[in-house]
C-alpha cells in the first residue's frame, strides 16, 4: 500500500501544482486513498520531495533532482566505485557490495545520495554494504545501475 501511495503522490505532483501536505492529502482522498497528514508528512520525507517556485511567490512539490543526471555527482560516484568497490552480488532482494577496508560507509553514503529507485535501505560495515531492494523485481535494474558505476 505504501509504495502504491507514494507512486500516486509522485504522479499527482507531476500533474498538479500541490504546495501543502494538506492539499496532497486532499488530492489522495479524491482518488480514494484515505491518509492522515502524518502519513503524508512521512511520505514527503521518504520521497525527498522538494518545493520549487512557480511564480507569484508560490511553490509546488516536485520530485528530488536525480543525482545521476548531475555530471559532477556521476563522476564522483564513478571515481569512488572504481577505487573502492571490489565486488557486487545479489541474493533474492539483497545486494552485497564488498569494498576496500574502511571505505564501505563512504560508498554507502554515495549510494544513498544517488537515490536509486528500488533501494529501500543501505547498511554499511567496514568493508561491506548490504542494500535492501524493494520490490524484488528491481534487483536486476539496481545491480545494473551499481555495476555501471564501476566502468
N, C-alpha and C. Protein backbone atom coordinates (compact mmCIF):
# COMPACT_ATOMS: atom_id res chain seq x y z
N UNK A 1 0.82 -1.20 0.00
CA UNK A 1 0.00 0.00 0.00
C UNK A 1 0.87 1.27 0.00
N UNK A 2 1.93 1.25 0.82
CA UNK A 2 2.79 2.42 0.92
C UNK A 2 3.44 2.75 -0.42
N UNK A 3 4.00 1.74 -1.09
CA UNK A 3 4.68 2.02 -2.35
C UNK A 3 3.68 2.49 -3.41
N UNK A 4 2.46 1.94 -3.39
CA UNK A 4 1.43 2.38 -4.33
C UNK A 4 1.06 3.85 -4.03
N UNK A 5 0.89 4.17 -2.75
CA UNK A 5 0.53 5.53 -2.36
C UNK A 5 1.64 6.51 -2.77
N UNK A 6 2.88 6.12 -2.53
CA UNK A 6 3.98 7.01 -2.88
C UNK A 6 4.10 7.19 -4.39
N UNK A 7 3.81 6.15 -5.14
CA UNK A 7 3.81 6.28 -6.61
C UNK A 7 2.70 7.23 -7.04
N UNK A 8 1.55 7.14 -6.39
CA UNK A 8 0.44 8.06 -6.69
C UNK A 8 0.82 9.49 -6.34
N UNK A 9 1.52 9.67 -5.24
CA UNK A 9 1.96 11.02 -4.84
C UNK A 9 2.86 11.61 -5.92
N UNK A 10 3.82 10.81 -6.40
CA UNK A 10 4.72 11.30 -7.45
C UNK A 10 3.95 11.65 -8.71
N UNK A 11 2.95 10.86 -9.03
CA UNK A 11 2.12 11.13 -10.20
C UNK A 11 1.31 12.42 -10.00
N UNK A 12 0.74 12.58 -8.81
CA UNK A 12 -0.06 13.78 -8.52
C UNK A 12 0.75 15.06 -8.61
N UNK A 13 1.96 15.04 -8.03
CA UNK A 13 2.74 16.28 -8.01
C UNK A 13 3.28 16.64 -9.39
N UNK A 14 3.32 15.67 -10.30
CA UNK A 14 3.71 15.97 -11.67
C UNK A 14 2.56 16.62 -12.43
N UNK A 15 1.32 16.24 -12.09
CA UNK A 15 0.14 16.72 -12.81
C UNK A 15 -0.46 17.99 -12.21
N UNK A 16 -0.32 18.17 -10.89
CA UNK A 16 -0.96 19.29 -10.20
C UNK A 16 0.06 20.14 -9.46
N UNK A 17 -0.25 21.41 -9.30
CA UNK A 17 0.60 22.31 -8.51
C UNK A 17 0.16 22.22 -7.05
N UNK A 18 0.69 21.23 -6.36
CA UNK A 18 0.35 21.00 -4.96
C UNK A 18 1.43 21.63 -4.10
N UNK A 19 1.01 22.50 -3.16
CA UNK A 19 2.03 23.20 -2.37
C UNK A 19 1.97 22.94 -0.87
N UNK A 20 1.01 22.17 -0.40
CA UNK A 20 0.97 21.85 1.04
C UNK A 20 0.67 20.37 1.22
N UNK A 21 1.03 19.86 2.39
CA UNK A 21 0.72 18.47 2.70
C UNK A 21 -0.79 18.26 2.79
N UNK A 22 -1.49 19.28 3.26
CA UNK A 22 -2.95 19.18 3.34
C UNK A 22 -3.55 19.02 1.95
N UNK A 23 -3.06 19.81 0.99
CA UNK A 23 -3.53 19.68 -0.39
C UNK A 23 -3.24 18.30 -0.94
N UNK A 24 -2.06 17.79 -0.62
CA UNK A 24 -1.67 16.47 -1.09
C UNK A 24 -2.59 15.40 -0.50
N UNK A 25 -2.88 15.51 0.79
CA UNK A 25 -3.79 14.56 1.45
C UNK A 25 -5.17 14.62 0.81
N UNK A 26 -5.64 15.84 0.51
CA UNK A 26 -6.95 16.01 -0.11
C UNK A 26 -6.98 15.41 -1.52
N UNK A 27 -5.91 15.62 -2.28
CA UNK A 27 -5.84 15.04 -3.63
C UNK A 27 -5.85 13.52 -3.57
N UNK A 28 -5.17 12.95 -2.60
CA UNK A 28 -5.17 11.50 -2.43
C UNK A 28 -6.57 11.00 -2.07
N UNK A 29 -7.25 11.72 -1.19
CA UNK A 29 -8.60 11.33 -0.79
C UNK A 29 -9.55 11.35 -1.98
N UNK A 30 -9.36 12.31 -2.89
CA UNK A 30 -10.22 12.41 -4.07
C UNK A 30 -10.08 11.19 -5.00
N UNK A 31 -8.93 10.52 -4.92
CA UNK A 31 -8.76 9.32 -5.75
C UNK A 31 -8.91 8.03 -4.93
N UNK A 32 -9.48 8.19 -3.71
CA UNK A 32 -9.82 7.02 -2.92
C UNK A 32 -8.78 6.53 -1.94
N UNK A 33 -7.75 7.32 -1.69
CA UNK A 33 -6.71 6.93 -0.74
C UNK A 33 -6.87 7.78 0.52
N UNK A 34 -7.34 7.14 1.60
CA UNK A 34 -7.51 7.84 2.87
C UNK A 34 -6.17 7.88 3.61
N UNK A 35 -5.70 9.08 3.94
CA UNK A 35 -4.43 9.24 4.63
C UNK A 35 -4.55 10.33 5.69
N UNK A 36 -3.65 10.26 6.66
CA UNK A 36 -3.56 11.33 7.65
C UNK A 36 -2.45 12.28 7.22
N UNK A 37 -2.44 13.45 7.80
CA UNK A 37 -1.39 14.42 7.50
C UNK A 37 -0.04 13.85 7.92
N UNK A 38 0.01 13.08 9.02
CA UNK A 38 1.27 12.49 9.48
C UNK A 38 1.82 11.50 8.45
N UNK A 39 0.95 10.73 7.85
CA UNK A 39 1.38 9.78 6.82
C UNK A 39 1.92 10.52 5.60
N UNK A 40 1.21 11.57 5.20
CA UNK A 40 1.67 12.37 4.06
C UNK A 40 3.03 13.00 4.39
N UNK A 41 3.20 13.47 5.60
CA UNK A 41 4.46 14.06 6.02
C UNK A 41 5.61 13.06 5.90
N UNK A 42 5.37 11.83 6.35
CA UNK A 42 6.40 10.79 6.24
C UNK A 42 6.69 10.48 4.78
N UNK A 43 5.64 10.41 3.97
CA UNK A 43 5.84 10.13 2.54
C UNK A 43 6.67 11.24 1.87
N UNK A 44 6.36 12.49 2.19
CA UNK A 44 7.11 13.62 1.61
C UNK A 44 8.60 13.49 1.98
N UNK A 45 8.85 13.13 3.23
CA UNK A 45 10.24 12.98 3.69
C UNK A 45 10.93 11.80 2.99
N UNK A 46 10.26 10.64 2.94
CA UNK A 46 10.86 9.46 2.33
C UNK A 46 11.08 9.63 0.83
N UNK A 47 10.18 10.35 0.17
CA UNK A 47 10.32 10.59 -1.26
C UNK A 47 11.30 11.72 -1.57
N UNK A 48 11.74 12.41 -0.51
CA UNK A 48 12.67 13.55 -0.61
C UNK A 48 12.13 14.62 -1.56
N UNK A 49 10.83 14.88 -1.43
CA UNK A 49 10.22 15.90 -2.28
C UNK A 49 10.79 17.27 -1.93
N UNK A 50 10.88 18.11 -2.93
CA UNK A 50 11.36 19.48 -2.72
C UNK A 50 10.25 20.43 -3.17
N UNK A 51 10.39 21.69 -2.79
CA UNK A 51 9.45 22.71 -3.27
C UNK A 51 10.19 23.59 -4.26
N UNK A 52 9.53 23.82 -5.40
CA UNK A 52 10.12 24.65 -6.44
C UNK A 52 9.19 25.83 -6.71
N UNK A 53 9.76 26.99 -7.04
CA UNK A 53 8.92 28.17 -7.30
C UNK A 53 8.12 28.03 -8.58
N UNK A 54 6.88 28.55 -8.55
CA UNK A 54 6.04 28.53 -9.75
C UNK A 54 5.56 29.93 -10.10
N UNK A 55 6.11 30.94 -9.44
CA UNK A 55 5.75 32.32 -9.74
C UNK A 55 4.79 32.89 -8.72
N UNK A 56 4.70 34.20 -8.70
CA UNK A 56 3.83 34.93 -7.77
C UNK A 56 4.10 34.55 -6.32
N UNK A 57 5.34 34.22 -6.00
CA UNK A 57 5.70 33.86 -4.63
C UNK A 57 5.17 32.51 -4.19
N UNK A 58 4.66 31.72 -5.12
CA UNK A 58 4.10 30.41 -4.80
C UNK A 58 5.10 29.30 -5.13
N UNK A 59 4.91 28.17 -4.45
CA UNK A 59 5.76 27.00 -4.65
C UNK A 59 4.90 25.76 -4.84
N UNK A 60 5.52 24.70 -5.36
CA UNK A 60 4.83 23.42 -5.51
C UNK A 60 5.82 22.30 -5.20
N UNK A 61 5.26 21.14 -4.82
CA UNK A 61 6.11 19.97 -4.59
C UNK A 61 6.63 19.45 -5.92
N UNK A 62 7.85 18.93 -5.88
CA UNK A 62 8.46 18.33 -7.06
C UNK A 62 9.35 17.17 -6.58
N UNK A 63 9.59 16.20 -7.47
CA UNK A 63 10.50 15.11 -7.10
C UNK A 63 11.90 15.67 -6.91
N UNK A 64 12.74 14.98 -6.13
CA UNK A 64 14.10 15.48 -5.94
C UNK A 64 14.88 15.41 -7.24
N UNK A 65 15.86 16.30 -7.40
CA UNK A 65 16.69 16.19 -8.61
C UNK A 65 17.46 14.88 -8.57
N UNK A 66 17.57 14.24 -9.70
CA UNK A 66 18.26 12.95 -9.79
C UNK A 66 19.77 13.20 -9.83
N UNK A 67 20.46 12.73 -8.79
CA UNK A 67 21.91 12.93 -8.71
C UNK A 67 22.64 12.34 -9.91
N UNK A 68 22.07 11.26 -10.48
CA UNK A 68 22.75 10.64 -11.62
C UNK A 68 22.69 11.50 -12.87
N UNK A 69 21.81 12.51 -12.88
CA UNK A 69 21.74 13.40 -14.03
C UNK A 69 22.74 14.55 -13.90
N UNK A 70 23.27 14.76 -12.70
CA UNK A 70 24.26 15.80 -12.46
C UNK A 70 25.62 15.22 -12.84
N UNK A 71 26.28 15.76 -13.88
CA UNK A 71 27.54 15.18 -14.35
C UNK A 71 28.63 15.12 -13.28
N UNK A 72 28.72 16.12 -12.44
CA UNK A 72 29.76 16.12 -11.40
C UNK A 72 29.51 15.03 -10.37
N UNK A 73 28.25 14.86 -9.95
CA UNK A 73 27.90 13.80 -8.99
C UNK A 73 28.16 12.43 -9.60
N UNK A 74 27.84 12.27 -10.87
CA UNK A 74 28.07 10.99 -11.54
C UNK A 74 29.57 10.69 -11.61
N UNK A 75 30.39 11.67 -11.94
CA UNK A 75 31.85 11.47 -11.98
C UNK A 75 32.37 11.08 -10.61
N UNK A 76 31.88 11.76 -9.58
CA UNK A 76 32.30 11.45 -8.20
C UNK A 76 31.93 10.03 -7.83
N UNK A 77 30.68 9.63 -8.13
CA UNK A 77 30.22 8.28 -7.80
C UNK A 77 31.06 7.23 -8.54
N UNK A 78 31.32 7.47 -9.81
CA UNK A 78 32.13 6.52 -10.59
C UNK A 78 33.54 6.40 -10.02
N UNK A 79 34.14 7.53 -9.68
CA UNK A 79 35.50 7.51 -9.12
C UNK A 79 35.54 6.70 -7.83
N UNK A 80 34.58 6.94 -6.95
CA UNK A 80 34.54 6.22 -5.68
C UNK A 80 34.31 4.73 -5.91
N UNK A 81 33.39 4.39 -6.80
CA UNK A 81 33.12 2.98 -7.07
C UNK A 81 34.33 2.30 -7.69
N UNK A 82 35.00 2.96 -8.63
CA UNK A 82 36.15 2.36 -9.30
C UNK A 82 37.30 2.14 -8.32
N UNK A 83 37.45 3.04 -7.38
CA UNK A 83 38.56 2.95 -6.44
C UNK A 83 38.27 2.02 -5.26
N UNK A 84 37.03 1.93 -4.82
CA UNK A 84 36.75 1.24 -3.56
C UNK A 84 35.97 -0.06 -3.67
N UNK A 85 35.16 -0.23 -4.70
CA UNK A 85 34.29 -1.42 -4.78
C UNK A 85 35.04 -2.59 -5.40
N UNK A 86 35.03 -3.72 -4.68
CA UNK A 86 35.70 -4.93 -5.14
C UNK A 86 34.73 -5.87 -5.86
N UNK A 87 33.51 -5.99 -5.33
CA UNK A 87 32.54 -6.88 -5.96
C UNK A 87 31.12 -6.48 -5.57
N UNK A 88 30.18 -6.89 -6.43
CA UNK A 88 28.76 -6.65 -6.19
C UNK A 88 28.04 -7.96 -6.52
N UNK A 89 27.23 -8.43 -5.57
CA UNK A 89 26.50 -9.68 -5.79
C UNK A 89 25.11 -9.56 -5.17
N UNK A 90 24.19 -10.41 -5.61
CA UNK A 90 22.81 -10.34 -5.12
C UNK A 90 22.29 -11.71 -4.72
N UNK A 91 21.35 -11.69 -3.79
CA UNK A 91 20.62 -12.88 -3.38
C UNK A 91 19.22 -12.43 -3.00
N UNK A 92 18.24 -12.92 -3.73
CA UNK A 92 16.84 -12.52 -3.54
C UNK A 92 16.73 -11.00 -3.62
N UNK A 93 16.29 -10.32 -2.55
CA UNK A 93 16.11 -8.87 -2.59
C UNK A 93 17.26 -8.13 -1.91
N UNK A 94 18.40 -8.79 -1.77
CA UNK A 94 19.56 -8.18 -1.12
C UNK A 94 20.73 -8.08 -2.10
N UNK A 95 21.42 -6.95 -2.03
CA UNK A 95 22.64 -6.78 -2.81
C UNK A 95 23.76 -6.54 -1.80
N UNK A 96 24.86 -7.29 -1.98
CA UNK A 96 26.02 -7.15 -1.10
C UNK A 96 27.16 -6.57 -1.92
N UNK A 97 27.72 -5.49 -1.41
CA UNK A 97 28.84 -4.82 -2.07
C UNK A 97 30.05 -4.95 -1.16
N UNK A 98 31.12 -5.57 -1.67
CA UNK A 98 32.37 -5.69 -0.92
C UNK A 98 33.28 -4.54 -1.35
N UNK A 99 33.90 -3.89 -0.36
CA UNK A 99 34.76 -2.74 -0.63
C UNK A 99 36.12 -2.92 0.02
N UNK A 100 37.02 -2.02 -0.31
CA UNK A 100 38.29 -1.98 0.40
C UNK A 100 38.01 -1.68 1.87
N UNK A 101 38.85 -2.18 2.75
CA UNK A 101 38.67 -1.96 4.18
C UNK A 101 38.60 -0.47 4.49
N UNK A 102 37.57 -0.11 5.24
CA UNK A 102 37.41 1.27 5.68
C UNK A 102 36.66 2.18 4.71
N UNK A 103 36.20 1.65 3.58
CA UNK A 103 35.55 2.52 2.60
C UNK A 103 34.04 2.28 2.45
N UNK A 104 33.51 1.27 3.12
CA UNK A 104 32.10 0.90 2.91
C UNK A 104 31.15 2.04 3.28
N UNK A 105 31.40 2.74 4.37
CA UNK A 105 30.48 3.80 4.76
C UNK A 105 30.46 4.94 3.75
N UNK A 106 31.59 5.28 3.19
CA UNK A 106 31.64 6.32 2.16
C UNK A 106 30.91 5.90 0.90
N UNK A 107 31.10 4.65 0.49
CA UNK A 107 30.41 4.15 -0.70
C UNK A 107 28.90 4.11 -0.44
N UNK A 108 28.49 3.68 0.75
CA UNK A 108 27.06 3.64 1.10
C UNK A 108 26.46 5.04 1.07
N UNK A 109 27.21 6.03 1.53
CA UNK A 109 26.72 7.41 1.51
C UNK A 109 26.50 7.87 0.07
N UNK A 110 27.39 7.49 -0.83
CA UNK A 110 27.23 7.84 -2.25
C UNK A 110 25.96 7.18 -2.80
N UNK A 111 25.76 5.90 -2.47
CA UNK A 111 24.56 5.19 -2.93
C UNK A 111 23.31 5.89 -2.41
N UNK A 112 23.31 6.24 -1.13
CA UNK A 112 22.15 6.93 -0.55
C UNK A 112 21.89 8.26 -1.23
N UNK A 113 22.95 9.01 -1.51
CA UNK A 113 22.80 10.32 -2.15
C UNK A 113 22.25 10.22 -3.56
N UNK A 114 22.53 9.11 -4.24
CA UNK A 114 22.07 8.95 -5.61
C UNK A 114 20.57 8.69 -5.68
N UNK A 115 19.99 8.20 -4.60
CA UNK A 115 18.55 7.96 -4.61
C UNK A 115 18.10 6.99 -5.67
N UNK A 116 18.81 5.90 -5.82
CA UNK A 116 18.48 4.90 -6.84
C UNK A 116 17.13 4.28 -6.51
N UNK A 117 16.22 4.31 -7.46
CA UNK A 117 14.90 3.73 -7.26
C UNK A 117 15.02 2.24 -7.00
N UNK A 118 14.37 1.78 -5.93
CA UNK A 118 14.37 0.37 -5.58
C UNK A 118 15.20 0.07 -4.36
N UNK A 119 16.13 0.95 -4.00
CA UNK A 119 16.93 0.71 -2.80
C UNK A 119 16.14 1.23 -1.60
N UNK A 120 15.73 0.28 -0.77
CA UNK A 120 14.94 0.61 0.41
C UNK A 120 15.86 1.11 1.53
N UNK A 121 17.03 0.47 1.68
CA UNK A 121 17.96 0.86 2.74
C UNK A 121 19.35 0.34 2.42
N UNK A 122 20.35 1.01 2.98
CA UNK A 122 21.73 0.51 2.92
C UNK A 122 22.25 0.43 4.34
N UNK A 123 23.03 -0.62 4.59
CA UNK A 123 23.67 -0.80 5.89
C UNK A 123 25.15 -1.06 5.60
N UNK A 124 26.02 -0.23 6.18
CA UNK A 124 27.44 -0.35 5.88
C UNK A 124 28.23 -0.78 7.11
N UNK A 125 29.16 -1.67 6.88
CA UNK A 125 30.13 -2.05 7.89
C UNK A 125 31.46 -1.41 7.54
N UNK A 126 32.54 -2.13 7.77
CA UNK A 126 33.87 -1.62 7.48
C UNK A 126 34.25 -1.88 6.02
N UNK A 127 33.91 -3.08 5.53
CA UNK A 127 34.29 -3.44 4.17
C UNK A 127 33.16 -4.07 3.37
N UNK A 128 31.93 -3.89 3.83
CA UNK A 128 30.80 -4.43 3.06
C UNK A 128 29.55 -3.60 3.30
N UNK A 129 28.67 -3.65 2.29
CA UNK A 129 27.42 -2.89 2.32
C UNK A 129 26.30 -3.85 1.97
N UNK A 130 25.21 -3.77 2.71
CA UNK A 130 24.01 -4.53 2.41
C UNK A 130 22.97 -3.55 1.92
N UNK A 131 22.46 -3.77 0.71
CA UNK A 131 21.39 -2.96 0.15
C UNK A 131 20.13 -3.81 0.12
N UNK A 132 19.08 -3.31 0.74
CA UNK A 132 17.79 -4.00 0.72
C UNK A 132 16.99 -3.40 -0.44
N UNK A 133 16.50 -4.27 -1.32
CA UNK A 133 15.82 -3.84 -2.53
C UNK A 133 14.33 -4.17 -2.44
N UNK A 134 13.51 -3.22 -2.84
CA UNK A 134 12.06 -3.44 -2.87
C UNK A 134 11.50 -2.67 -4.04
N UNK A 135 10.74 -3.28 -4.89
CA UNK A 135 10.34 -4.67 -4.92
C UNK A 135 11.46 -5.56 -5.44
N UNK A 136 11.32 -6.84 -5.23
CA UNK A 136 12.37 -7.79 -5.63
C UNK A 136 12.64 -7.72 -7.14
N UNK A 137 11.62 -7.32 -7.92
CA UNK A 137 11.80 -7.22 -9.37
C UNK A 137 12.80 -6.13 -9.76
N UNK A 138 13.11 -5.23 -8.83
CA UNK A 138 14.04 -4.14 -9.12
C UNK A 138 15.50 -4.54 -8.94
N UNK A 139 15.76 -5.73 -8.44
CA UNK A 139 17.14 -6.14 -8.13
C UNK A 139 18.04 -6.05 -9.36
N UNK A 140 17.61 -6.59 -10.50
CA UNK A 140 18.46 -6.58 -11.69
C UNK A 140 18.76 -5.16 -12.16
N UNK A 141 17.77 -4.29 -12.11
CA UNK A 141 17.97 -2.89 -12.52
C UNK A 141 18.95 -2.20 -11.59
N UNK A 142 18.79 -2.41 -10.29
CA UNK A 142 19.70 -1.79 -9.32
C UNK A 142 21.11 -2.34 -9.51
N UNK A 143 21.23 -3.64 -9.72
CA UNK A 143 22.55 -4.23 -9.98
C UNK A 143 23.21 -3.58 -11.20
N UNK A 144 22.45 -3.41 -12.27
CA UNK A 144 22.98 -2.77 -13.47
C UNK A 144 23.43 -1.35 -13.20
N UNK A 145 22.62 -0.59 -12.42
CA UNK A 145 22.99 0.78 -12.08
C UNK A 145 24.29 0.82 -11.29
N UNK A 146 24.41 -0.07 -10.30
CA UNK A 146 25.62 -0.09 -9.48
C UNK A 146 26.83 -0.57 -10.26
N UNK A 147 26.66 -1.63 -11.05
CA UNK A 147 27.78 -2.13 -11.88
C UNK A 147 28.20 -1.08 -12.90
N UNK A 148 27.25 -0.31 -13.40
CA UNK A 148 27.56 0.74 -14.37
C UNK A 148 28.48 1.80 -13.81
N UNK A 149 28.49 1.96 -12.50
CA UNK A 149 29.37 2.95 -11.88
C UNK A 149 30.81 2.44 -11.78
N UNK A 150 31.03 1.16 -11.99
CA UNK A 150 32.36 0.58 -11.87
C UNK A 150 33.16 0.66 -13.17
N UNK A 151 32.48 1.01 -14.29
CA UNK A 151 33.18 1.05 -15.59
C UNK A 151 33.56 2.45 -15.98
